[in-house]
Amino acid sequence: MEELLRALVQCRRCPRLVAYREGVPPLPKFAGQAYWRRPVPPWGDPKAKIMVVGLAPAAHGGNRTGRMFTGDSSAQFLFRALHAVGLSNHPYSVSRDDGTEVRCVYITSAVKCAPPGNRPNAEELANCSPWLKAELSLVRPRAVVALGRVAWVAVFRALGSRPPEFSHGAFADVGPVRVYASYHPSPRNTNTGRLDLEALEAVLKAAKAYAGCQ
């Protein structure tokens, strides 16, 4: 895994993503902070039985903090749910040194660099697929929670399987791995009521039970 992470943070395969991650200007509230501006590595429990897969780092979240689902509103919503179901020691994820630890969970993304408009293109998704495939092979999770349709499709492709239709709460098995679908905890979904904490917690609880996390 360490060798994989060393290679990952040096990746410059997608010119559009490299230009965006390195050039996006800091938000005024983060003025003076040094942004990470590299591919954002996964993190979590080295013995994880659950893999949580997001779309990509947020421009002012993971691309700033250097940790996936850290420092943006989507991260805070996700970690409130992870904490509520006993998979995180804190209900927040704000920085790499915030003391937050996840249990039985490994957190990653379908695309490792922040994309413009949160929309990676097909070539960028294909370029990142080998990373996700390698992670699945190394971690060997029992359950995968895909946050959003793009992550759902990316997970099945990395597993070498055709993706079923996406809907919140759906699940499908690929060999011993069960893949669960959830809407992404983005403000677009959480502020409109499309996704609430109870609905996200229900998916996480199902994954936790299937994976055998105590």
Protein backbone atom coordinates (compact mmCIF):
# COMPACT_ATOMS: atom_id res chain seq x y z
CA MET A 1 0.00 0.00 0.00
CA GLU A 2 2.81 2.46 0.82
CA GLU A 3 4.31 1.94 -2.64
CA LEU A 4 0.91 2.58 -4.22
CA LEU A 5 0.44 5.81 -2.26
CA ARG A 6 3.91 7.07 -3.17
CA ALA A 7 3.15 6.56 -6.85
CA LEU A 8 -0.34 8.03 -6.54
CA VAL A 9 0.65 11.43 -5.15
CA GLN A 10 3.12 11.88 -8.02
CA CYS A 11 0.56 11.20 -10.77
CA ARG A 12 0.22 13.85 -13.50
CA ARG A 13 -1.57 11.77 -16.11
CA CYS A 14 -4.58 14.07 -16.64
CA PRO A 15 -3.50 17.54 -17.85
CA ARG A 16 -6.87 19.17 -17.17
CA LEU A 17 -6.96 17.92 -13.58
CA VAL A 18 -3.33 18.85 -12.93
CA ALA A 19 -3.96 22.38 -14.18
CA TYR A 20 -7.09 22.76 -12.08
CA ARG A 21 -5.80 21.28 -8.82
CA GLU A 22 -2.65 23.40 -9.00
CA GLY A 23 -4.29 26.59 -10.20
CA VAL A 24 -7.64 26.88 -8.43
CA PRO A 25 -7.43 30.04 -6.26
CA PRO A 26 -8.00 29.67 -2.51
CA LEU A 27 -11.31 30.80 -1.10
CA PRO A 28 -10.99 34.04 0.91
CA LYS A 29 -11.63 32.17 4.17
CA PHE A 30 -8.64 29.93 3.42
CA ALA A 31 -6.31 32.74 2.35
CA GLY A 32 -2.82 32.10 3.65
CA GLN A 33 -3.31 28.34 3.89
CA ALA A 34 -1.05 26.13 1.81
CA TYR A 35 -3.18 23.92 -0.44
CA TRP A 36 -2.18 20.28 -1.00
CA ARG A 37 -2.68 20.51 -4.81
CA ARG A 38 -1.74 16.90 -5.57
CA PRO A 39 -3.66 13.66 -5.99
CA VAL A 40 -5.43 13.04 -2.69
CA PRO A 41 -4.53 9.67 -1.14
CA PRO A 42 -7.00 7.37 0.58
CA TRP A 43 -6.98 6.96 4.34
CA GLY A 44 -8.53 4.95 7.13
CA ASP A 45 -8.31 1.69 9.02
CA PRO A 46 -5.61 -0.59 7.54
CA LYS A 47 -7.81 -3.56 8.46
CA ALA A 48 -10.96 -2.02 6.99
CA LYS A 49 -13.85 -4.22 5.96
CA ILE A 50 -15.80 -1.30 4.48
CA MET A 51 -14.57 0.90 1.65
CA VAL A 52 -16.30 4.26 1.18
CA VAL A 53 -15.83 5.60 -2.35
CA GLY A 54 -16.60 9.21 -3.20
CA LEU A 55 -16.48 10.95 -6.55
CA ALA A 56 -13.33 13.08 -6.23
CA PRO A 57 -11.63 15.47 -3.80
CA ALA A 58 -13.33 18.84 -3.39
CA ALA A 59 -11.33 21.80 -4.71
CA HIS A 60 -11.31 23.44 -1.28
CA GLY A 61 -11.70 20.23 0.73
CA GLY A 62 -9.35 17.36 -0.06
CA ASN A 63 -7.38 19.43 -2.56
CA ARG A 64 -6.68 21.86 0.27
CA THR A 65 -6.24 19.51 3.23
CA GLY A 66 -4.64 16.52 1.51
CA ARG A 67 -7.17 14.07 2.95
CA MET A 68 -10.25 12.73 1.21
CA PHE A 69 -13.58 13.95 2.62
CA THR A 70 -11.88 16.51 4.83
CA GLY A 71 -12.52 20.22 5.21
CA ASP A 72 -15.70 20.73 3.19
CA SER A 73 -19.44 20.47 3.79
CA SER A 74 -19.78 17.03 2.18
CA ALA A 75 -17.16 15.73 4.59
CA GLN A 76 -18.98 17.07 7.63
CA PHE A 77 -22.24 15.44 6.58
CA LEU A 78 -20.53 12.10 5.91
CA PHE A 79 -18.71 12.13 9.22
CA ARG A 80 -21.82 12.97 11.19
CA ALA A 81 -23.29 9.78 9.74
CA LEU A 82 -20.13 7.70 10.26
CA HIS A 83 -19.96 8.83 13.88
CA ALA A 84 -23.65 8.12 14.45
CA VAL A 85 -23.25 4.49 13.37
CA GLY A 86 -20.02 3.95 15.32
CA LEU A 87 -17.53 4.06 12.46
CA SER A 88 -15.74 7.31 13.40
CA ASN A 89 -14.57 8.66 16.74
CA HIS A 90 -15.56 12.23 15.80
CA PRO A 91 -18.56 13.68 13.91
CA TYR A 92 -16.28 15.87 11.79
CA SER A 93 -13.31 15.79 9.42
CA VAL A 94 -11.61 19.16 9.09
CA SER A 95 -7.85 18.56 8.75
CA ARG A 96 -5.23 15.82 8.71
CA ASP A 97 -4.35 16.56 12.34
CA ASP A 98 -7.89 16.87 13.75
CA GLY A 99 -7.68 13.60 15.68
CA THR A 100 -10.46 11.99 13.66
CA GLU A 101 -10.08 8.26 13.16
CA VAL A 102 -12.34 5.84 11.36
CA ARG A 103 -12.85 2.25 12.45
CA CYS A 104 -13.33 -0.62 10.00
CA VAL A 105 -13.50 1.95 7.18
CA TYR A 106 -11.20 2.94 4.31
CA ILE A 107 -12.04 6.19 2.51
CA THR A 108 -11.14 6.82 -1.12
CA SER A 109 -12.48 8.22 -4.38
CA ALA A 110 -13.12 7.26 -7.98
CA VAL A 111 -10.97 10.18 -9.18
CA LYS A 112 -7.96 11.27 -7.12
CA CYS A 113 -7.70 14.93 -8.19
CA ALA A 114 -10.24 17.73 -7.85
CA PRO A 115 -12.05 18.20 -11.20
CA PRO A 116 -13.47 21.48 -12.50
CA GLY A 117 -17.12 21.77 -11.55
CA ASN A 118 -16.89 18.43 -9.71
CA ARG A 119 -17.22 16.74 -13.11
CA PRO A 120 -14.42 14.41 -14.23
CA ASN A 121 -14.64 13.36 -17.85
CA ALA A 122 -14.65 9.80 -19.16
CA GLU A 123 -10.93 9.77 -19.93
CA GLU A 124 -10.07 10.97 -16.41
CA LEU A 125 -12.29 8.31 -14.85
CA ALA A 126 -10.60 5.67 -17.00
CA ASN A 127 -7.14 6.95 -16.07
CA CYS A 128 -7.98 6.68 -12.36
CA SER A 129 -9.66 3.29 -12.55
CA PRO A 130 -6.39 1.31 -12.09
CA TRP A 131 -5.81 3.10 -8.77
CA LEU A 132 -9.22 2.05 -7.48
CA LYS A 133 -8.75 -1.47 -8.80
CA ALA A 134 -5.42 -1.73 -6.96
CA GLU A 135 -6.99 -0.41 -3.75
CA LEU A 136 -9.78 -2.97 -3.92
CA SER A 137 -7.20 -5.72 -4.42
CA LEU A 138 -5.05 -4.56 -1.50
CA VAL A 139 -7.79 -3.72 1.02
CA ARG A 140 -10.12 -6.60 0.06
CA PRO A 141 -13.23 -5.04 1.63
CA ARG A 142 -16.34 -7.05 2.39
CA ALA A 143 -18.58 -4.05 1.66
CA VAL A 144 -18.21 -0.97 -0.51
CA VAL A 145 -20.35 2.14 -0.12
CA ALA A 146 -20.43 4.11 -3.37
CA LEU A 147 -21.42 7.74 -2.84
CA GLY A 148 -23.17 8.82 -6.01
CA ARG A 149 -23.81 7.36 -9.44
CA VAL A 150 -20.32 8.08 -10.82
CA ALA A 151 -18.64 6.31 -7.90
CA TRP A 152 -21.12 3.42 -8.23
CA VAL A 153 -20.21 2.88 -11.89
CA ALA A 154 -16.49 3.29 -11.15
CA VAL A 155 -16.56 0.64 -8.42
CA PHE A 156 -18.24 -1.97 -10.60
CA ARG A 157 -15.88 -1.28 -13.48
CA ALA A 158 -12.89 -1.62 -11.14
CA LEU A 159 -14.34 -4.94 -9.98
CA GLY A 160 -14.71 -6.05 -13.59
CA SER A 161 -18.50 -6.17 -13.46
CA ARG A 162 -21.31 -4.39 -15.28
CA PRO A 163 -22.92 -1.77 -13.00
CA PRO A 164 -26.60 -2.30 -12.15
CA GLU A 165 -29.02 0.61 -12.12
CA PHE A 166 -28.15 3.17 -9.44
CA SER A 167 -30.64 4.08 -6.73
CA HIS A 168 -30.14 5.10 -3.13
CA GLY A 169 -30.11 2.04 -0.89
CA ALA A 170 -29.57 -0.42 -3.73
CA PHE A 171 -26.91 -3.10 -3.41
CA ALA A 172 -25.40 -5.81 -5.55
CA ASP A 173 -22.82 -8.52 -5.03
CA VAL A 174 -19.64 -9.05 -7.03
CA GLY A 175 -18.23 -12.29 -5.71
CA PRO A 176 -17.80 -11.85 -1.94
CA VAL A 177 -18.03 -8.05 -2.15
CA ARG A 178 -21.35 -6.30 -1.61
CA VAL A 179 -21.60 -2.83 -3.12
CA TYR A 180 -24.10 -0.37 -1.63
CA ALA A 181 -25.39 2.79 -3.31
CA SER A 182 -25.98 6.12 -1.60
CA TYR A 183 -26.59 9.58 -2.91
CA HIS A 184 -23.47 11.69 -2.54
CA PRO A 185 -23.50 13.89 0.61
CA SER A 186 -23.00 17.06 -1.45
CA PRO A 187 -24.87 20.26 -0.55
CA ARG A 188 -26.85 19.79 -3.77
CA ASN A 189 -28.36 16.67 -2.22
CA THR A 190 -28.34 17.48 1.49
CA ASN A 191 -29.67 21.03 1.22
CA THR A 192 -32.55 19.95 -0.99
CA GLY A 193 -33.61 17.03 1.19
CA ARG A 194 -32.71 14.44 -1.42
CA LEU A 195 -30.35 12.93 1.14
CA ASP A 196 -30.79 13.23 4.90
CA LEU A 197 -28.69 11.79 7.71
CA GLU A 198 -31.13 8.98 8.40
CA ALA A 199 -30.94 7.76 4.81
CA LEU A 200 -27.14 7.82 4.75
CA GLU A 201 -26.93 6.18 8.16
CA ALA A 202 -29.21 3.38 6.95
CA VAL A 203 -26.81 2.52 4.12
CA LEU A 204 -23.79 2.67 6.43
CA LYS A 205 -25.54 0.45 8.99
CA ALA A 206 -26.33 -2.12 6.31
CA ALA A 207 -22.72 -2.13 5.12
CA LYS A 208 -21.47 -2.38 8.70
CA ALA A 209 -23.70 -5.37 9.43
CA TYR A 210 -22.78 -7.19 6.21
CA ALA A 211 -19.06 -6.55 6.72
CA GLY A 212 -19.19 -7.83 10.30
CA CYS A 213 -17.83 -4.67 11.90
CA GLN A 214 -18.58 -4.62 15.62
